[in-house]
């Protein structure tokens, strides 16, 4: 049984990490968040220590190490702009680290963490759960066997959010990286994983709740669209009460992967605990891709996603 710490226990994604720690047979020893709305801990680890002051959390880690009850892993689910600091703290505390996506916001921050890994002898793994999705694994096998020219890809991801989103840190690009980074980085990682390195990266739409663009990869031309607006869920699904829509078509054929997401965090933990986690170097391509998207000046173009053309 491994002993875990969790930074960001009050966040949206933290319960998935708590469940993954429990489902892999491990223990959450301590959790930290500046907010105290963490009653979800009672559902998984009611005995876990909890702190709202980082200094107290840090003192607990020191005490645990001195008494032979050190932390094996630190799970980081804090706001995106804090990841590099919190991952670094975990490494310095002599623990391996599991960080939620996006691992960092800027490519140079990956270099800082690589240096810290070498200094501390500990390792960082990140959650790139789409690589573990059965439909995506099958698609990768299909792509690897294909011959001929580049594939034509259309990626659509709508995950609707309420009015609260625009009042939270997630709406601030300096803290979240913006919509393409915050909700999309693992999709861009998936595209790189399937179709290779980026050759062209163009942005057609950049709004607080919608983003779209065109990517040319080694093996694919990709039109992508991402949205937080429920109005962008196709009406046939919206009328059934569905507020999320995921679709990827390859050469006109749709790949169904709307389901199968429930257990991907636990699968990620299983792989990490077995020494097969996704390391810093494997995050670089997607981090560079979304950093370029964040800095691009949006302008309509001939390769726009059809939903971007229709956006008000």
C-alpha atoms as a PDB file:
ATOM      1  CA  UNK A   1       0.000   0.000   0.000  1.00  0.00           C
ATOM      2  CA  UNK A   2       1.350   3.395  -1.046  1.00  0.00           C
ATOM      3  CA  UNK A   3       0.752   6.571   0.959  1.00  0.00           C
ATOM      4  CA  UNK A   4      -0.559   9.516  -1.046  1.00  0.00           C
ATOM      5  CA  UNK A   5      -0.831  13.256  -0.543  1.00  0.00           C
ATOM      6  CA  UNK A   6      -3.314  15.307  -2.597  1.00  0.00           C
ATOM      7  CA  UNK A   7      -2.907  18.986  -3.468  1.00  0.00           C
ATOM      8  CA  UNK A   8      -6.141  20.592  -4.680  1.00  0.00           C
ATOM      9  CA  UNK A   9      -8.650  18.428  -2.812  1.00  0.00           C
ATOM     10  CA  UNK A  10     -11.509  20.898  -3.340  1.00  0.00           C
ATOM     11  CA  UNK A  11     -11.257  20.946  -7.141  1.00  0.00           C
ATOM     12  CA  UNK A  12     -13.533  19.499  -9.809  1.00  0.00           C
ATOM     13  CA  UNK A  13     -11.242  16.622 -10.779  1.00  0.00           C
ATOM     14  CA  UNK A  14      -9.977  15.728  -7.288  1.00  0.00           C
ATOM     15  CA  UNK A  15     -12.708  13.116  -6.572  1.00  0.00           C
ATOM     16  CA  UNK A  16     -11.549  11.060  -9.565  1.00  0.00           C
ATOM     17  CA  UNK A  17      -8.069  10.956  -8.086  1.00  0.00           C
ATOM     18  CA  UNK A  18      -9.422  10.027  -4.662  1.00  0.00           C
ATOM     19  CA  UNK A  19     -11.379   7.181  -6.206  1.00  0.00           C
ATOM     20  CA  UNK A  20      -8.356   6.044  -8.201  1.00  0.00           C
ATOM     21  CA  UNK A  21      -6.193   5.985  -5.075  1.00  0.00           C
ATOM     22  CA  UNK A  22      -8.841   3.883  -3.318  1.00  0.00           C
ATOM     23  CA  UNK A  23      -9.513   1.563  -6.265  1.00  0.00           C
ATOM     24  CA  UNK A  24      -5.822   0.767  -6.635  1.00  0.00           C
ATOM     25  CA  UNK A  25      -5.679  -0.278  -2.982  1.00  0.00           C
ATOM     26  CA  UNK A  26      -3.716   2.681  -1.647  1.00  0.00           C
ATOM     27  CA  UNK A  27      -4.207   5.267   1.099  1.00  0.00           C
ATOM     28  CA  UNK A  28      -4.643   9.033   1.088  1.00  0.00           C
ATOM     29  CA  UNK A  29      -2.711  10.218   4.129  1.00  0.00           C
ATOM     30  CA  UNK A  30      -3.085  13.984   3.724  1.00  0.00           C
ATOM     31  CA  UNK A  31      -4.873  16.503   1.527  1.00  0.00           C
ATOM     32  CA  UNK A  32      -4.503  20.229   1.036  1.00  0.00           C
ATOM     33  CA  UNK A  33      -6.666  22.968  -0.459  1.00  0.00           C
ATOM     34  CA  UNK A  34      -7.141  26.653   0.326  1.00  0.00           C
ATOM     35  CA  UNK A  35     -10.886  25.952   0.287  1.00  0.00           C
ATOM     36  CA  UNK A  36     -12.501  23.741   2.906  1.00  0.00           C
ATOM     37  CA  UNK A  37     -15.399  22.348   0.834  1.00  0.00           C
ATOM     38  CA  UNK A  38     -13.860  18.889   0.806  1.00  0.00           C
ATOM     39  CA  UNK A  39     -16.593  16.744   2.333  1.00  0.00           C
ATOM     40  CA  UNK A  40     -16.004  14.315  -0.544  1.00  0.00           C
ATOM     41  CA  UNK A  41     -13.058  13.055   1.517  1.00  0.00           C
ATOM     42  CA  UNK A  42     -15.565  11.298   3.787  1.00  0.00           C
ATOM     43  CA  UNK A  43     -16.643   9.118   0.871  1.00  0.00           C
ATOM     44  CA  UNK A  44     -13.133   7.794   0.320  1.00  0.00           C
ATOM     45  CA  UNK A  45     -10.648   8.644   3.077  1.00  0.00           C
ATOM     46  CA  UNK A  46     -12.349  10.060   6.202  1.00  0.00           C
ATOM     47  CA  UNK A  47      -9.166   9.508   8.234  1.00  0.00           C
ATOM     48  CA  UNK A  48      -6.990  11.634   5.948  1.00  0.00           C
ATOM     49  CA  UNK A  49      -5.382  14.704   7.449  1.00  0.00           C
ATOM     50  CA  UNK A  50      -6.483  17.959   5.829  1.00  0.00           C
ATOM     51  CA  UNK A  51      -4.982  21.447   5.786  1.00  0.00           C
ATOM     52  CA  UNK A  52      -5.968  24.790   4.286  1.00  0.00           C
ATOM     53  CA  UNK A  53      -2.565  26.367   4.954  1.00  0.00           C
ATOM     54  CA  UNK A  54       0.278  25.206   2.723  1.00  0.00           C
ATOM     55  CA  UNK A  55       2.783  25.718   5.551  1.00  0.00           C
ATOM     56  CA  UNK A  56       0.872  23.252   7.729  1.00  0.00           C
ATOM     57  CA  UNK A  57       0.704  20.744   4.886  1.00  0.00           C
ATOM     58  CA  UNK A  58       4.450  21.134   4.356  1.00  0.00           C
ATOM     59  CA  UNK A  59       5.132  20.597   8.080  1.00  0.00           C
ATOM     60  CA  UNK A  60       3.017  17.433   7.991  1.00  0.00           C
ATOM     61  CA  UNK A  61       5.112  16.027   5.135  1.00  0.00           C
ATOM     62  CA  UNK A  62       8.302  16.769   7.095  1.00  0.00           C
ATOM     63  CA  UNK A  63       6.885  15.116  10.233  1.00  0.00           C
ATOM     64  CA  UNK A  64       5.734  12.084   8.245  1.00  0.00           C
ATOM     65  CA  UNK A  65       9.195  11.643   6.735  1.00  0.00           C
ATOM     66  CA  UNK A  66      10.900  11.969  10.134  1.00  0.00           C
ATOM     67  CA  UNK A  67       8.631   9.358  11.731  1.00  0.00           C
ATOM     68  CA  UNK A  68       9.011   6.760   8.994  1.00  0.00           C
ATOM     69  CA  UNK A  69       5.572   7.454   7.514  1.00  0.00           C
ATOM     70  CA  UNK A  70       6.721   9.337   4.448  1.00  0.00           C
ATOM     71  CA  UNK A  71       4.607  10.015   1.387  1.00  0.00           C
ATOM     72  CA  UNK A  72       5.187   7.831  -1.673  1.00  0.00           C
ATOM     73  CA  UNK A  73       3.142   9.862  -4.175  1.00  0.00           C
ATOM     74  CA  UNK A  74       1.786  13.400  -4.379  1.00  0.00           C
ATOM     75  CA  UNK A  75      -1.266  13.847  -6.613  1.00  0.00           C
ATOM     76  CA  UNK A  76      -1.619  17.397  -7.974  1.00  0.00           C
ATOM     77  CA  UNK A  77      -5.094  18.625  -8.958  1.00  0.00           C
ATOM     78  CA  UNK A  78      -4.662  22.332  -8.224  1.00  0.00           C
ATOM     79  CA  UNK A  79      -5.323  25.176 -10.727  1.00  0.00           C
ATOM     80  CA  UNK A  80      -3.198  24.821 -13.832  1.00  0.00           C
ATOM     81  CA  UNK A  81      -0.830  27.740 -13.244  1.00  0.00           C
ATOM     82  CA  UNK A  82       0.201  26.235  -9.895  1.00  0.00           C
ATOM     83  CA  UNK A  83       1.114  22.810 -11.252  1.00  0.00           C
ATOM     84  CA  UNK A  84       4.799  23.496 -11.788  1.00  0.00           C
ATOM     85  CA  UNK A  85       5.230  24.782  -8.219  1.00  0.00           C
ATOM     86  CA  UNK A  86       3.223  21.968  -6.635  1.00  0.00           C
ATOM     87  CA  UNK A  87       4.885  19.234  -8.712  1.00  0.00           C
ATOM     88  CA  UNK A  88       8.263  20.702  -7.787  1.00  0.00           C
ATOM     89  CA  UNK A  89       7.343  20.695  -4.102  1.00  0.00           C
ATOM     90  CA  UNK A  90       6.330  17.046  -4.310  1.00  0.00           C
ATOM     91  CA  UNK A  91       9.654  16.092  -5.898  1.00  0.00           C
ATOM     92  CA  UNK A  92      11.591  18.001  -3.245  1.00  0.00           C
ATOM     93  CA  UNK A  93       9.553  16.188  -0.591  1.00  0.00           C
ATOM     94  CA  UNK A  94      11.098  12.944  -1.910  1.00  0.00           C
ATOM     95  CA  UNK A  95       7.886  11.682  -3.508  1.00  0.00           C
ATOM     96  CA  UNK A  96       6.900  10.684  -7.013  1.00  0.00           C
ATOM     97  CA  UNK A  97       4.209  12.941  -8.469  1.00  0.00           C
ATOM     98  CA  UNK A  98       1.023  12.314 -10.454  1.00  0.00           C
ATOM     99  CA  UNK A  99      -0.241  15.537 -12.033  1.00  0.00           C
ATOM    100  CA  UNK A 100      -3.580  16.194 -13.677  1.00  0.00           C
ATOM    101  CA  UNK A 101      -3.542  17.640 -17.194  1.00  0.00           C
ATOM    102  CA  UNK A 102      -2.282  20.061 -18.330  1.00  0.00           C
ATOM    103  CA  UNK A 103       0.977  19.146 -16.657  1.00  0.00           C
ATOM    104  CA  UNK A 104       2.247  22.725 -17.100  1.00  0.00           C
ATOM    105  CA  UNK A 105       1.256  25.771 -19.148  1.00  0.00           C
ATOM    106  CA  UNK A 106       4.597  26.591 -20.765  1.00  0.00           C
ATOM    107  CA  UNK A 107       7.172  24.315 -22.435  1.00  0.00           C
ATOM    108  CA  UNK A 108      10.070  25.835 -20.458  1.00  0.00           C
ATOM    109  CA  UNK A 109       8.367  24.657 -17.243  1.00  0.00           C
ATOM    110  CA  UNK A 110       8.826  21.091 -18.451  1.00  0.00           C
ATOM    111  CA  UNK A 111      12.563  21.780 -18.586  1.00  0.00           C
ATOM    112  CA  UNK A 112      12.478  22.954 -14.951  1.00  0.00           C
ATOM    113  CA  UNK A 113      10.779  19.727 -13.889  1.00  0.00           C
ATOM    114  CA  UNK A 114      13.172  17.552 -15.903  1.00  0.00           C
ATOM    115  CA  UNK A 115      16.038  19.185 -14.001  1.00  0.00           C
ATOM    116  CA  UNK A 116      14.263  18.591 -10.683  1.00  0.00           C
ATOM    117  CA  UNK A 117      13.678  14.930 -11.531  1.00  0.00           C
ATOM    118  CA  UNK A 118      17.388  14.535 -12.140  1.00  0.00           C
ATOM    119  CA  UNK A 119      18.246  16.389  -8.920  1.00  0.00           C
ATOM    120  CA  UNK A 120      15.839  14.469  -6.686  1.00  0.00           C
ATOM    121  CA  UNK A 121      15.836  11.064  -8.344  1.00  0.00           C
ATOM    122  CA  UNK A 122      12.023  11.055  -8.258  1.00  0.00           C
ATOM    123  CA  UNK A 123       9.650  10.934 -11.246  1.00  0.00           C
ATOM    124  CA  UNK A 124       6.638  12.821 -12.575  1.00  0.00           C
ATOM    125  CA  UNK A 125       3.752  11.165 -14.404  1.00  0.00           C
ATOM    126  CA  UNK A 126       0.717  12.849 -15.890  1.00  0.00           C
ATOM    127  CA  UNK A 127      -2.844  11.887 -16.767  1.00  0.00           C
ATOM    128  CA  UNK A 128      -3.180  11.453 -20.543  1.00  0.00           C
ATOM    129  CA  UNK A 129      -6.212   9.244 -20.228  1.00  0.00           C
ATOM    130  CA  UNK A 130      -7.325   9.276 -23.854  1.00  0.00           C
ATOM    131  CA  UNK A 131      -4.276   7.217 -24.803  1.00  0.00           C
ATOM    132  CA  UNK A 132      -5.804   4.450 -22.681  1.00  0.00           C
ATOM    133  CA  UNK A 133      -9.312   4.658 -24.145  1.00  0.00           C
ATOM    134  CA  UNK A 134     -10.076   1.365 -25.979  1.00  0.00           C
ATOM    135  CA  UNK A 135     -11.492   3.134 -29.038  1.00  0.00           C
ATOM    136  CA  UNK A 136      -8.410   5.352 -29.353  1.00  0.00           C
ATOM    137  CA  UNK A 137      -6.066   2.382 -28.893  1.00  0.00           C
ATOM    138  CA  UNK A 138      -7.910   0.600 -31.714  1.00  0.00           C
ATOM    139  CA  UNK A 139      -7.722   3.714 -33.876  1.00  0.00           C
ATOM    140  CA  UNK A 140      -3.968   3.967 -33.334  1.00  0.00           C
ATOM    141  CA  UNK A 141      -3.584   0.402 -34.523  1.00  0.00           C
ATOM    142  CA  UNK A 142      -5.712   1.210 -37.580  1.00  0.00           C
ATOM    143  CA  UNK A 143      -3.677   4.329 -38.368  1.00  0.00           C
ATOM    144  CA  UNK A 144      -0.379   2.469 -37.992  1.00  0.00           C
ATOM    145  CA  UNK A 145      -1.459  -0.006 -40.672  1.00  0.00           C
ATOM    146  CA  UNK A 146      -2.835   2.570 -43.102  1.00  0.00           C
ATOM    147  CA  UNK A 147      -1.031   3.506 -46.294  1.00  0.00           C
ATOM    148  CA  UNK A 148      -1.465   6.457 -48.613  1.00  0.00           C
ATOM    149  CA  UNK A 149      -1.906  10.170 -47.981  1.00  0.00           C
ATOM    150  CA  UNK A 150      -2.862  12.163 -44.933  1.00  0.00           C
ATOM    151  CA  UNK A 151      -6.089  11.441 -43.082  1.00  0.00           C
ATOM    152  CA  UNK A 152      -8.866  14.053 -42.947  1.00  0.00           C
ATOM    153  CA  UNK A 153      -9.890  14.546 -39.316  1.00  0.00           C
ATOM    154  CA  UNK A 154     -12.718  16.520 -37.746  1.00  0.00           C
ATOM    155  CA  UNK A 155     -12.631  16.765 -33.941  1.00  0.00           C
ATOM    156  CA  UNK A 156     -15.585  18.217 -32.020  1.00  0.00           C
ATOM    157  CA  UNK A 157     -15.706  18.497 -28.230  1.00  0.00           C
ATOM    158  CA  UNK A 158     -18.509  20.267 -26.391  1.00  0.00           C
ATOM    159  CA  UNK A 159     -18.561  20.066 -22.597  1.00  0.00           C
ATOM    160  CA  UNK A 160     -21.080  22.621 -21.387  1.00  0.00           C
ATOM    161  CA  UNK A 161     -20.491  24.688 -18.271  1.00  0.00           C
ATOM    162  CA  UNK A 162     -22.761  27.005 -16.330  1.00  0.00           C
ATOM    163  CA  UNK A 163     -22.357  30.723 -15.682  1.00  0.00           C
ATOM    164  CA  UNK A 164     -20.032  29.996 -12.747  1.00  0.00           C
ATOM    165  CA  UNK A 165     -17.229  29.053 -15.161  1.00  0.00           C
ATOM    166  CA  UNK A 166     -16.643  32.622 -16.320  1.00  0.00           C
ATOM    167  CA  UNK A 167     -16.306  33.759 -12.684  1.00  0.00           C
ATOM    168  CA  UNK A 168     -13.709  31.100 -11.834  1.00  0.00           C
ATOM    169  CA  UNK A 169      -9.955  30.827 -12.376  1.00  0.00           C
ATOM    170  CA  UNK A 170     -10.690  28.620 -15.378  1.00  0.00           C
ATOM    171  CA  UNK A 171     -11.854  31.629 -17.407  1.00  0.00           C
ATOM    172  CA  UNK A 172      -8.544  33.429 -16.842  1.00  0.00           C
ATOM    173  CA  UNK A 173      -6.049  32.377 -19.547  1.00  0.00           C
ATOM    174  CA  UNK A 174      -3.130  33.337 -17.285  1.00  0.00           C
ATOM    175  CA  UNK A 175      -4.251  30.707 -14.775  1.00  0.00           C
ATOM    176  CA  UNK A 176      -5.958  28.063 -16.923  1.00  0.00           C
ATOM    177  CA  UNK A 177      -4.311  28.562 -20.304  1.00  0.00           C
ATOM    178  CA  UNK A 178      -7.695  29.169 -21.908  1.00  0.00           C
ATOM    179  CA  UNK A 179     -10.258  26.745 -23.265  1.00  0.00           C
ATOM    180  CA  UNK A 180      -7.980  24.879 -25.690  1.00  0.00           C
ATOM    181  CA  UNK A 181      -5.540  24.174 -22.855  1.00  0.00           C
ATOM    182  CA  UNK A 182      -7.920  23.603 -19.976  1.00  0.00           C
ATOM    183  CA  UNK A 183     -10.406  21.258 -21.649  1.00  0.00           C
ATOM    184  CA  UNK A 184      -8.513  20.360 -24.789  1.00  0.00           C
ATOM    185  CA  UNK A 185      -4.900  19.510 -24.008  1.00  0.00           C
ATOM    186  CA  UNK A 186      -5.542  15.771 -23.725  1.00  0.00           C
ATOM    187  CA  UNK A 187      -7.337  15.815 -27.104  1.00  0.00           C
ATOM    188  CA  UNK A 188      -4.334  17.522 -28.692  1.00  0.00           C
ATOM    189  CA  UNK A 189      -2.127  14.925 -27.035  1.00  0.00           C
ATOM    190  CA  UNK A 190      -4.366  12.238 -28.534  1.00  0.00           C
ATOM    191  CA  UNK A 191      -3.983  13.771 -32.006  1.00  0.00           C
ATOM    192  CA  UNK A 192      -0.205  13.864 -31.657  1.00  0.00           C
ATOM    193  CA  UNK A 193      -0.221  10.288 -30.317  1.00  0.00           C
ATOM    194  CA  UNK A 194      -2.213   9.112 -33.333  1.00  0.00           C
ATOM    195  CA  UNK A 195      -0.917  11.231 -36.197  1.00  0.00           C
ATOM    196  CA  UNK A 196       2.554  12.528 -35.347  1.00  0.00           C
ATOM    197  CA  UNK A 197       4.302  15.876 -35.054  1.00  0.00           C
ATOM    198  CA  UNK A 198       2.782  19.291 -35.781  1.00  0.00           C
ATOM    199  CA  UNK A 199       3.570  20.882 -39.139  1.00  0.00           C
ATOM    200  CA  UNK A 200       1.041  23.738 -39.101  1.00  0.00           C
ATOM    201  CA  UNK A 201      -1.068  25.231 -36.306  1.00  0.00           C
ATOM    202  CA  UNK A 202      -3.722  27.851 -37.177  1.00  0.00           C
ATOM    203  CA  UNK A 203      -6.435  29.333 -34.951  1.00  0.00           C
ATOM    204  CA  UNK A 204      -9.764  30.398 -36.478  1.00  0.00           C
ATOM    205  CA  UNK A 205     -11.823  31.173 -33.372  1.00  0.00           C
ATOM    206  CA  UNK A 206     -10.689  32.285 -29.906  1.00  0.00           C
ATOM    207  CA  UNK A 207     -13.471  33.216 -27.484  1.00  0.00           C
ATOM    208  CA  UNK A 208     -13.847  32.685 -23.722  1.00  0.00           C
ATOM    209  CA  UNK A 209     -16.208  29.738 -24.322  1.00  0.00           C
ATOM    210  CA  UNK A 210     -15.340  28.580 -27.853  1.00  0.00           C
ATOM    211  CA  UNK A 211     -12.150  27.842 -29.734  1.00  0.00           C
ATOM    212  CA  UNK A 212     -11.412  26.334 -33.126  1.00  0.00           C
ATOM    213  CA  UNK A 213      -8.578  25.896 -35.562  1.00  0.00           C
ATOM    214  CA  UNK A 214      -6.669  23.779 -38.029  1.00  0.00           C
ATOM    215  CA  UNK A 215      -3.714  21.474 -37.432  1.00  0.00           C
ATOM    216  CA  UNK A 216      -1.564  19.779 -39.994  1.00  0.00           C
ATOM    217  CA  UNK A 217       0.219  16.769 -38.538  1.00  0.00           C
ATOM    218  CA  UNK A 218       2.578  14.264 -40.138  1.00  0.00           C
ATOM    219  CA  UNK A 219      -0.287  11.938 -40.994  1.00  0.00           C
ATOM    220  CA  UNK A 220      -3.408  14.088 -40.779  1.00  0.00           C
ATOM    221  CA  UNK A 221      -5.172  17.346 -41.515  1.00  0.00           C
ATOM    222  CA  UNK A 222      -7.341  18.259 -38.534  1.00  0.00           C
ATOM    223  CA  UNK A 223     -10.217  20.709 -38.180  1.00  0.00           C
ATOM    224  CA  UNK A 224     -11.072  21.091 -34.502  1.00  0.00           C
ATOM    225  CA  UNK A 225     -13.774  22.825 -32.485  1.00  0.00           C
ATOM    226  CA  UNK A 226     -14.173  23.044 -28.694  1.00  0.00           C
ATOM    227  CA  UNK A 227     -16.969  24.693 -26.759  1.00  0.00           C
ATOM    228  CA  UNK A 228     -18.421  25.201 -23.290  1.00  0.00           C
ATOM    229  CA  UNK A 229     -21.811  26.245 -24.693  1.00  0.00           C
ATOM    230  CA  UNK A 230     -24.704  23.811 -24.340  1.00  0.00           C
ATOM    231  CA  UNK A 231     -26.196  25.320 -27.514  1.00  0.00           C
ATOM    232  CA  UNK A 232     -23.346  23.660 -29.431  1.00  0.00           C
ATOM    233  CA  UNK A 233     -24.452  20.152 -28.398  1.00  0.00           C
ATOM    234  CA  UNK A 234     -26.341  18.788 -31.436  1.00  0.00           C
ATOM    235  CA  UNK A 235     -30.075  19.216 -30.917  1.00  0.00           C
ATOM    236  CA  UNK A 236     -30.803  15.483 -31.168  1.00  0.00           C
ATOM    237  CA  UNK A 237     -28.604  14.936 -28.090  1.00  0.00           C
ATOM    238  CA  UNK A 238     -29.551  18.161 -26.336  1.00  0.00           C
ATOM    239  CA  UNK A 239     -33.251  17.249 -26.493  1.00  0.00           C
ATOM    240  CA  UNK A 240     -32.383  14.053 -24.585  1.00  0.00           C
ATOM    241  CA  UNK A 241     -30.768  16.106 -21.811  1.00  0.00           C
ATOM    242  CA  UNK A 242     -27.175  15.491 -22.912  1.00  0.00           C
ATOM    243  CA  UNK A 243     -24.787  18.363 -22.154  1.00  0.00           C
ATOM    244  CA  UNK A 244     -21.564  16.836 -23.486  1.00  0.00           C
ATOM    245  CA  UNK A 245     -20.710  15.836 -27.032  1.00  0.00           C
ATOM    246  CA  UNK A 246     -17.508  14.225 -28.308  1.00  0.00           C
ATOM    247  CA  UNK A 247     -16.944  13.288 -31.928  1.00  0.00           C
ATOM    248  CA  UNK A 248     -13.983  12.475 -34.101  1.00  0.00           C
ATOM    249  CA  UNK A 249     -14.303  11.549 -37.759  1.00  0.00           C
ATOM    250  CA  UNK A 250     -11.462  10.074 -39.753  1.00  0.00           C
ATOM    251  CA  UNK A 251     -11.840  10.221 -43.523  1.00  0.00           C
ATOM    252  CA  UNK A 252     -15.582  10.757 -43.055  1.00  0.00           C
ATOM    253  CA  UNK A 253     -16.084   7.800 -40.695  1.00  0.00           C
ATOM    254  CA  UNK A 254     -17.077   8.610 -37.123  1.00  0.00           C
ATOM    255  CA  UNK A 255     -15.138   6.993 -34.294  1.00  0.00           C
ATOM    256  CA  UNK A 256     -17.421   6.464 -31.309  1.00  0.00           C
ATOM    257  CA  UNK A 257     -15.711   7.316 -28.052  1.00  0.00           C
ATOM    258  CA  UNK A 258     -18.349   9.185 -26.050  1.00  0.00           C
ATOM    259  CA  UNK A 259     -18.443   6.344 -23.540  1.00  0.00           C
ATOM    260  CA  UNK A 260     -15.679   4.534 -21.716  1.00  0.00           C
ATOM    261  CA  UNK A 261     -14.351   7.563 -19.824  1.00  0.00           C
ATOM    262  CA  UNK A 262     -15.483   6.591 -16.340  1.00  0.00           C
ATOM    263  CA  UNK A 263     -12.563   4.388 -15.357  1.00  0.00           C
ATOM    264  CA  UNK A 264      -9.722   6.018 -17.276  1.00  0.00           C
ATOM    265  CA  UNK A 265      -8.229   7.770 -14.239  1.00  0.00           C
ATOM    266  CA  UNK A 266      -8.035   4.484 -12.365  1.00  0.00           C
ATOM    267  CA  UNK A 267      -6.479   2.850 -15.443  1.00  0.00           C
ATOM    268  CA  UNK A 268      -3.975   5.714 -15.501  1.00  0.00           C
ATOM    269  CA  UNK A 269      -3.098   5.108 -11.849  1.00  0.00           C
ATOM    270  CA  UNK A 270      -2.678   1.391 -12.479  1.00  0.00           C
ATOM    271  CA  UNK A 271      -0.221   2.102 -15.272  1.00  0.00           C
ATOM    272  CA  UNK A 272       1.704   4.674 -13.217  1.00  0.00           C
ATOM    273  CA  UNK A 273       1.958   2.378 -10.191  1.00  0.00           C
ATOM    274  CA  UNK A 274       3.233  -0.372 -12.476  1.00  0.00           C
ATOM    275  CA  UNK A 275       5.987   1.925 -13.767  1.00  0.00           C
ATOM    276  CA  UNK A 276       4.339   2.560 -17.117  1.00  0.00           C
ATOM    277  CA  UNK A 277       3.074   6.101 -16.595  1.00  0.00           C
ATOM    278  CA  UNK A 278       3.341   8.919 -19.140  1.00  0.00           C
ATOM    279  CA  UNK A 279       6.471  10.893 -18.313  1.00  0.00           C
ATOM    280  CA  UNK A 280       7.430  14.536 -18.819  1.00  0.00           C
ATOM    281  CA  UNK A 281       8.783  14.054 -22.331  1.00  0.00           C
ATOM    282  CA  UNK A 282       5.485  12.567 -23.508  1.00  0.00           C
ATOM    283  CA  UNK A 283       3.605  15.731 -22.533  1.00  0.00           C
ATOM    284  CA  UNK A 284       5.834  18.111 -24.467  1.00  0.00           C
ATOM    285  CA  UNK A 285       4.199  17.971 -27.911  1.00  0.00           C
ATOM    286  CA  UNK A 286       0.719  18.798 -26.593  1.00  0.00           C
ATOM    287  CA  UNK A 287       2.030  21.514 -24.240  1.00  0.00           C
ATOM    288  CA  UNK A 288       3.847  23.167 -27.149  1.00  0.00           C
ATOM    289  CA  UNK A 289       0.744  22.832 -29.337  1.00  0.00           C
ATOM    290  CA  UNK A 290      -1.622  24.560 -26.899  1.00  0.00           C
ATOM    291  CA  UNK A 291       0.962  27.243 -26.057  1.00  0.00           C
ATOM    292  CA  UNK A 292       1.077  28.111 -29.772  1.00  0.00           C
ATOM    293  CA  UNK A 293      -2.735  28.164 -29.907  1.00  0.00           C
ATOM    294  CA  UNK A 294      -2.845  30.495 -26.900  1.00  0.00           C
ATOM    295  CA  UNK A 295      -0.544  33.030 -28.591  1.00  0.00           C
ATOM    296  CA  UNK A 296      -2.053  32.839 -32.085  1.00  0.00           C
ATOM    297  CA  UNK A 297      -4.148  35.620 -33.568  1.00  0.00           C
ATOM    298  CA  UNK A 298      -7.476  34.107 -34.613  1.00  0.00           C
ATOM    299  CA  UNK A 299      -8.672  34.668 -38.168  1.00  0.00           C
ATOM    300  CA  UNK A 300     -11.172  32.804 -40.363  1.00  0.00           C
ATOM    301  CA  UNK A 301      -9.670  30.517 -42.956  1.00  0.00           C
ATOM    302  CA  UNK A 302     -10.539  27.965 -45.621  1.00  0.00           C
ATOM    303  CA  UNK A 303     -10.016  24.987 -43.303  1.00  0.00           C
ATOM    304  CA  UNK A 304     -12.431  26.114 -40.579  1.00  0.00           C
ATOM    305  CA  UNK A 305     -14.469  23.525 -38.711  1.00  0.00           C
ATOM    306  CA  UNK A 306     -18.115  23.831 -39.841  1.00  0.00           C
ATOM    307  CA  UNK A 307     -19.289  24.559 -36.284  1.00  0.00           C
ATOM    308  CA  UNK A 308     -16.804  27.425 -36.072  1.00  0.00           C
ATOM    309  CA  UNK A 309     -18.348  28.916 -39.199  1.00  0.00           C
ATOM    310  CA  UNK A 310     -21.781  28.658 -37.635  1.00  0.00           C
ATOM    311  CA  UNK A 311     -20.769  30.118 -34.249  1.00  0.00           C
ATOM    312  CA  UNK A 312     -22.539  33.427 -33.496  1.00  0.00           C
END
